[in-house]
């Protein structure tokens, strides 16, 4: 059996997969901002409700920057953890027989979604729009090693006369801050039209430099893609020119579970 761990700013999802990719069990727990307590909570879950599973591999998705050779999590986005040896800590909990992999969560989500469209699109730009904005670039079915540490959500852009991070005005957190509502509760098309403009502003630079075959949008706000899909396509069409082609923009097939399925796919690619 394989174990996937998707660490989020507020919740962590544990998922048990068969070797054939069947999602056999899911378990959610709160993500404690104290790293030591988080490890204790994880240990309790694995020795409690998940104790009957015999894991051979584990992939942990982290919301930030990973130092891959050592398995150290350098930075964790909205979590205060810094330079923690998360791969070694997980190995201590799971035991030496379990091979542990660690990768950025947006990369894993992008991998999962890219493999679902691999026959048609070879270069995929995946955006996860949730509390913040993350990105993954997948080329020929694998995470692009040269761009694995990209952080598109932290691109500085001019917005309403200020220089702001893209995710500060075009994310789920930005929606709540400006309108006092989560994406699930927003029905006003004018709000979604403005949101689409904000997304298009950041996508402009990504499309001109990366030139992907397709853009896939996932994450919590990505699950509401139909609310702003046409607005976004209209805005992007204004940016097209003879040097920059605007590719198809699609909703993720598994917007809320892309990361955890990416854990499974990454394990399979690293057997």
Protein backbone atom coordinates (compact mmCIF):
# COMPACT_ATOMS: atom_id res chain seq x y z
CA UNK A 1 0.00 0.00 0.00
CA UNK A 2 1.04 3.60 -0.60
CA UNK A 3 0.51 6.56 1.73
CA UNK A 4 -0.14 10.08 0.47
CA UNK A 5 0.08 13.06 2.82
CA UNK A 6 -1.21 16.45 1.66
CA UNK A 7 -0.23 19.12 4.21
CA UNK A 8 -2.43 22.19 4.02
CA UNK A 9 -2.35 25.39 6.00
CA UNK A 10 -5.34 24.35 8.09
CA UNK A 11 -6.01 20.69 7.24
CA UNK A 12 -3.91 17.67 6.33
CA UNK A 13 -5.27 14.82 4.24
CA UNK A 14 -3.93 11.29 4.60
CA UNK A 15 -4.81 8.87 1.82
CA UNK A 16 -4.21 5.15 1.41
CA UNK A 17 -3.74 3.83 -2.13
CA UNK A 18 -3.46 0.33 -3.47
CA UNK A 19 -0.60 -0.33 -5.86
CA UNK A 20 -3.15 -0.16 -8.69
CA UNK A 21 -4.22 3.36 -7.70
CA UNK A 22 -7.44 2.62 -5.82
CA UNK A 23 -8.07 5.26 -3.16
CA UNK A 24 -8.91 2.92 -0.30
CA UNK A 25 -9.09 5.30 2.67
CA UNK A 26 -9.01 9.01 3.49
CA UNK A 27 -8.41 10.63 6.85
CA UNK A 28 -8.40 14.37 7.56
CA UNK A 29 -6.86 16.06 10.55
CA UNK A 30 -6.17 19.65 11.57
CA UNK A 31 -2.70 20.95 10.72
CA UNK A 32 -1.19 22.15 13.97
CA UNK A 33 1.01 25.20 13.37
CA UNK A 34 3.48 23.81 15.92
CA UNK A 35 5.63 21.41 13.90
CA UNK A 36 6.39 19.09 16.81
CA UNK A 37 2.71 18.79 17.68
CA UNK A 38 1.88 18.19 14.02
CA UNK A 39 4.27 15.22 14.00
CA UNK A 40 2.65 13.88 17.17
CA UNK A 41 -0.81 14.20 15.61
CA UNK A 42 0.43 12.41 12.51
CA UNK A 43 1.97 9.62 14.56
CA UNK A 44 -1.31 9.12 16.42
CA UNK A 45 -3.25 8.88 13.15
CA UNK A 46 -0.83 6.36 11.66
CA UNK A 47 -0.71 4.21 14.79
CA UNK A 48 -4.44 4.57 15.35
CA UNK A 49 -6.97 4.63 12.52
CA UNK A 50 -4.40 3.71 9.85
CA UNK A 51 -2.50 1.14 11.90
CA UNK A 52 -3.73 -1.85 9.90
CA UNK A 53 -2.15 -0.74 6.62
CA UNK A 54 1.27 -1.97 5.57
CA UNK A 55 2.92 0.83 3.58
CA UNK A 56 5.87 0.40 1.25
CA UNK A 57 6.06 4.01 0.05
CA UNK A 58 4.94 7.44 1.20
CA UNK A 59 4.78 10.74 -0.65
CA UNK A 60 4.33 13.94 1.33
CA UNK A 61 3.06 17.08 -0.43
CA UNK A 62 4.26 20.29 1.19
CA UNK A 63 2.94 23.81 0.52
CA UNK A 64 6.29 25.42 -0.13
CA UNK A 65 9.92 24.97 -1.09
CA UNK A 66 11.66 21.60 -0.82
CA UNK A 67 15.38 20.88 -0.78
CA UNK A 68 15.03 17.61 -2.63
CA UNK A 69 18.36 15.83 -2.06
CA UNK A 70 18.01 16.12 1.71
CA UNK A 71 14.20 16.08 2.01
CA UNK A 72 14.20 19.32 4.00
CA UNK A 73 11.20 21.62 3.83
CA UNK A 74 12.70 25.10 3.56
CA UNK A 75 9.52 27.16 3.74
CA UNK A 76 5.85 26.20 4.14
CA UNK A 77 3.80 29.09 2.84
CA UNK A 78 1.14 29.97 5.42
CA UNK A 79 2.71 27.68 8.03
CA UNK A 80 5.56 29.04 10.20
CA UNK A 81 7.80 25.98 9.75
CA UNK A 82 11.32 26.69 8.48
CA UNK A 83 14.07 24.27 7.41
CA UNK A 84 12.51 21.17 8.94
CA UNK A 85 13.82 17.67 8.04
CA UNK A 86 10.37 16.44 7.14
CA UNK A 87 11.48 13.41 5.10
CA UNK A 88 13.64 12.09 7.95
CA UNK A 89 10.95 12.87 10.52
CA UNK A 90 8.37 10.94 8.51
CA UNK A 91 10.82 8.06 8.11
CA UNK A 92 11.18 7.86 11.88
CA UNK A 93 7.41 7.66 12.28
CA UNK A 94 6.83 5.17 9.44
CA UNK A 95 9.94 3.03 9.95
CA UNK A 96 12.97 2.28 7.74
CA UNK A 97 11.06 -0.11 5.47
CA UNK A 98 8.97 2.74 4.02
CA UNK A 99 10.53 4.87 1.30
CA UNK A 100 9.53 8.52 1.82
CA UNK A 101 9.35 11.13 -0.93
CA UNK A 102 8.71 14.86 -0.46
CA UNK A 103 7.56 17.28 -3.16
CA UNK A 104 5.77 20.60 -3.57
CA UNK A 105 1.99 20.25 -3.50
CA UNK A 106 1.26 22.29 -6.68
CA UNK A 107 3.80 20.23 -8.61
CA UNK A 108 2.09 17.03 -7.50
CA UNK A 109 -1.37 18.34 -8.34
CA UNK A 110 -0.10 19.41 -11.74
CA UNK A 111 1.45 15.98 -12.31
CA UNK A 112 -1.82 14.25 -11.52
CA UNK A 113 -3.87 16.47 -13.82
CA UNK A 114 -1.29 16.47 -16.61
CA UNK A 115 -1.25 12.68 -16.75
CA UNK A 116 -5.02 12.72 -17.30
CA UNK A 117 -4.58 14.79 -20.50
CA UNK A 118 -1.14 13.56 -21.55
CA UNK A 119 -2.31 12.11 -24.86
CA UNK A 120 -3.42 15.57 -26.02
CA UNK A 121 -1.17 18.05 -24.20
CA UNK A 122 2.56 17.66 -23.57
CA UNK A 123 3.38 20.90 -21.72
CA UNK A 124 0.94 21.72 -18.93
CA UNK A 125 0.76 24.80 -16.73
CA UNK A 126 -1.24 23.91 -13.63
CA UNK A 127 -2.53 26.62 -11.30
CA UNK A 128 -3.96 25.86 -7.90
CA UNK A 129 -6.08 28.78 -6.72
CA UNK A 130 -6.96 28.36 -3.07
CA UNK A 131 -5.86 30.40 -0.07
CA UNK A 132 -2.95 31.48 -2.27
CA UNK A 133 -1.82 30.66 -5.80
CA UNK A 134 0.56 27.82 -6.59
CA UNK A 135 1.80 26.51 -9.91
CA UNK A 136 3.26 23.38 -11.42
CA UNK A 137 4.84 22.95 -14.83
CA UNK A 138 4.66 19.43 -16.23
CA UNK A 139 6.50 18.48 -19.44
CA UNK A 140 6.03 15.12 -21.12
CA UNK A 141 4.35 13.67 -18.05
CA UNK A 142 6.97 14.61 -15.46
CA UNK A 143 7.54 17.60 -13.17
CA UNK A 144 9.84 20.02 -15.00
CA UNK A 145 12.99 19.95 -12.86
CA UNK A 146 14.16 23.36 -14.08
CA UNK A 147 10.90 25.00 -12.92
CA UNK A 148 10.06 22.83 -9.91
CA UNK A 149 10.60 25.70 -7.47
CA UNK A 150 8.57 28.29 -9.35
CA UNK A 151 6.24 30.36 -7.17
CA UNK A 152 3.98 32.20 -9.60
CA UNK A 153 1.68 33.40 -6.84
CA UNK A 154 4.51 35.55 -5.49
CA UNK A 155 5.03 37.43 -8.76
CA UNK A 156 4.92 41.17 -8.10
CA UNK A 157 2.35 42.99 -10.24
CA UNK A 158 0.85 46.46 -10.35
CA UNK A 159 -2.72 46.44 -9.06
CA UNK A 160 -4.77 49.54 -8.27
CA UNK A 161 -1.66 51.66 -8.12
CA UNK A 162 0.27 49.33 -5.81
CA UNK A 163 2.88 46.63 -6.34
CA UNK A 164 1.37 43.46 -4.88
CA UNK A 165 1.93 39.73 -4.99
CA UNK A 166 -0.40 38.16 -7.55
CA UNK A 167 -1.98 35.95 -4.91
CA UNK A 168 -2.72 38.99 -2.72
CA UNK A 169 -5.42 40.12 -5.15
CA UNK A 170 -6.32 37.00 -7.16
CA UNK A 171 -6.75 34.16 -4.66
CA UNK A 172 -9.38 32.73 -2.38
CA UNK A 173 -7.94 34.74 0.49
CA UNK A 174 -8.21 37.91 -1.62
CA UNK A 175 -11.88 37.20 -2.36
CA UNK A 176 -12.68 36.84 1.34
CA UNK A 177 -10.73 39.97 2.21
CA UNK A 178 -12.44 42.13 -0.42
CA UNK A 179 -15.98 40.75 -0.42
CA UNK A 180 -16.29 39.03 2.94
CA UNK A 181 -17.35 35.78 1.25
CA UNK A 182 -15.77 32.52 0.23
CA UNK A 183 -15.87 31.47 -3.43
CA UNK A 184 -18.69 29.01 -2.70
CA UNK A 185 -20.92 31.87 -1.53
CA UNK A 186 -20.22 34.35 -4.34
CA UNK A 187 -22.88 34.45 -7.07
CA UNK A 188 -22.54 38.02 -8.39
CA UNK A 189 -21.17 37.81 -11.95
CA UNK A 190 -19.57 41.24 -11.55
CA UNK A 191 -17.36 39.84 -8.81
CA UNK A 192 -16.32 36.92 -10.96
CA UNK A 193 -15.68 39.20 -13.94
CA UNK A 194 -13.23 41.24 -11.86
CA UNK A 195 -11.69 38.09 -10.44
CA UNK A 196 -11.12 36.80 -13.99
CA UNK A 197 -9.30 40.05 -14.86
CA UNK A 198 -7.06 39.56 -11.85
CA UNK A 199 -6.24 36.00 -12.86
CA UNK A 200 -5.58 37.03 -16.46
CA UNK A 201 -3.16 39.72 -15.31
CA UNK A 202 -0.84 37.16 -13.78
CA UNK A 203 -1.35 34.61 -16.52
CA UNK A 204 -0.19 37.11 -19.14
CA UNK A 205 3.45 36.83 -18.16
CA UNK A 206 3.30 33.08 -17.58
CA UNK A 207 1.85 32.38 -21.02
CA UNK A 208 4.34 34.56 -22.85
CA UNK A 209 7.35 32.98 -21.12
CA UNK A 210 6.30 29.35 -20.64
CA UNK A 211 4.06 28.96 -23.73
CA UNK A 212 2.21 25.88 -22.42
CA UNK A 213 -0.07 23.69 -24.49
CA UNK A 214 -2.85 23.99 -21.90
CA UNK A 215 -3.63 25.71 -18.61
CA UNK A 216 -5.42 23.67 -15.95
CA UNK A 217 -6.95 25.40 -12.93
CA UNK A 218 -7.59 23.54 -9.68
CA UNK A 219 -7.71 24.14 -5.96
CA UNK A 220 -10.61 25.36 -3.84
CA UNK A 221 -11.42 28.33 -6.10
CA UNK A 222 -10.65 26.14 -9.08
CA UNK A 223 -13.61 23.97 -8.16
CA UNK A 224 -15.80 27.02 -8.95
CA UNK A 225 -14.25 27.48 -12.40
CA UNK A 226 -17.61 27.50 -14.27
CA UNK A 227 -18.51 30.74 -12.45
CA UNK A 228 -15.66 32.66 -14.09
CA UNK A 229 -14.60 30.47 -17.03
CA UNK A 230 -16.08 32.60 -19.80
CA UNK A 231 -14.94 35.84 -18.17
CA UNK A 232 -11.38 34.50 -18.00
CA UNK A 233 -11.36 33.30 -21.60
CA UNK A 234 -12.64 36.70 -22.73
CA UNK A 235 -9.87 38.48 -20.83
CA UNK A 236 -7.18 36.13 -22.15
CA UNK A 237 -8.38 36.57 -25.73
CA UNK A 238 -7.52 40.28 -25.41
CA UNK A 239 -3.89 39.32 -24.73
CA UNK A 240 -3.34 37.08 -27.76
CA UNK A 241 -1.01 38.29 -30.48
CA UNK A 242 1.11 36.80 -33.22
CA UNK A 243 3.90 36.02 -30.74
CA UNK A 244 1.79 34.68 -27.85
CA UNK A 245 -0.79 31.97 -28.42
CA UNK A 246 -3.52 31.62 -25.80
CA UNK A 247 -3.91 27.89 -25.06
CA UNK A 248 -7.07 26.13 -23.86
CA UNK A 249 -7.92 26.78 -20.21
CA UNK A 250 -9.53 23.83 -18.45
CA UNK A 251 -10.89 23.02 -15.03
CA UNK A 252 -9.01 20.32 -13.16
CA UNK A 253 -10.76 16.98 -13.32
CA UNK A 254 -10.11 16.42 -9.60
CA UNK A 255 -9.67 19.98 -8.25
CA UNK A 256 -9.89 19.05 -4.58
CA UNK A 257 -7.99 15.74 -4.76
CA UNK A 258 -5.39 16.49 -7.42
CA UNK A 259 -2.58 16.76 -4.87
CA UNK A 260 -3.26 13.44 -3.20
CA UNK A 261 -3.55 11.60 -6.53
CA UNK A 262 -0.31 13.31 -7.50
CA UNK A 263 1.30 11.67 -4.48
CA UNK A 264 0.33 8.28 -5.90
CA UNK A 265 1.57 9.17 -9.40
CA UNK A 266 4.88 10.47 -8.03
CA UNK A 267 5.44 7.27 -6.09
CA UNK A 268 4.80 5.21 -9.22
CA UNK A 269 7.27 7.30 -11.20
CA UNK A 270 9.93 6.82 -8.51
CA UNK A 271 9.66 3.09 -7.91
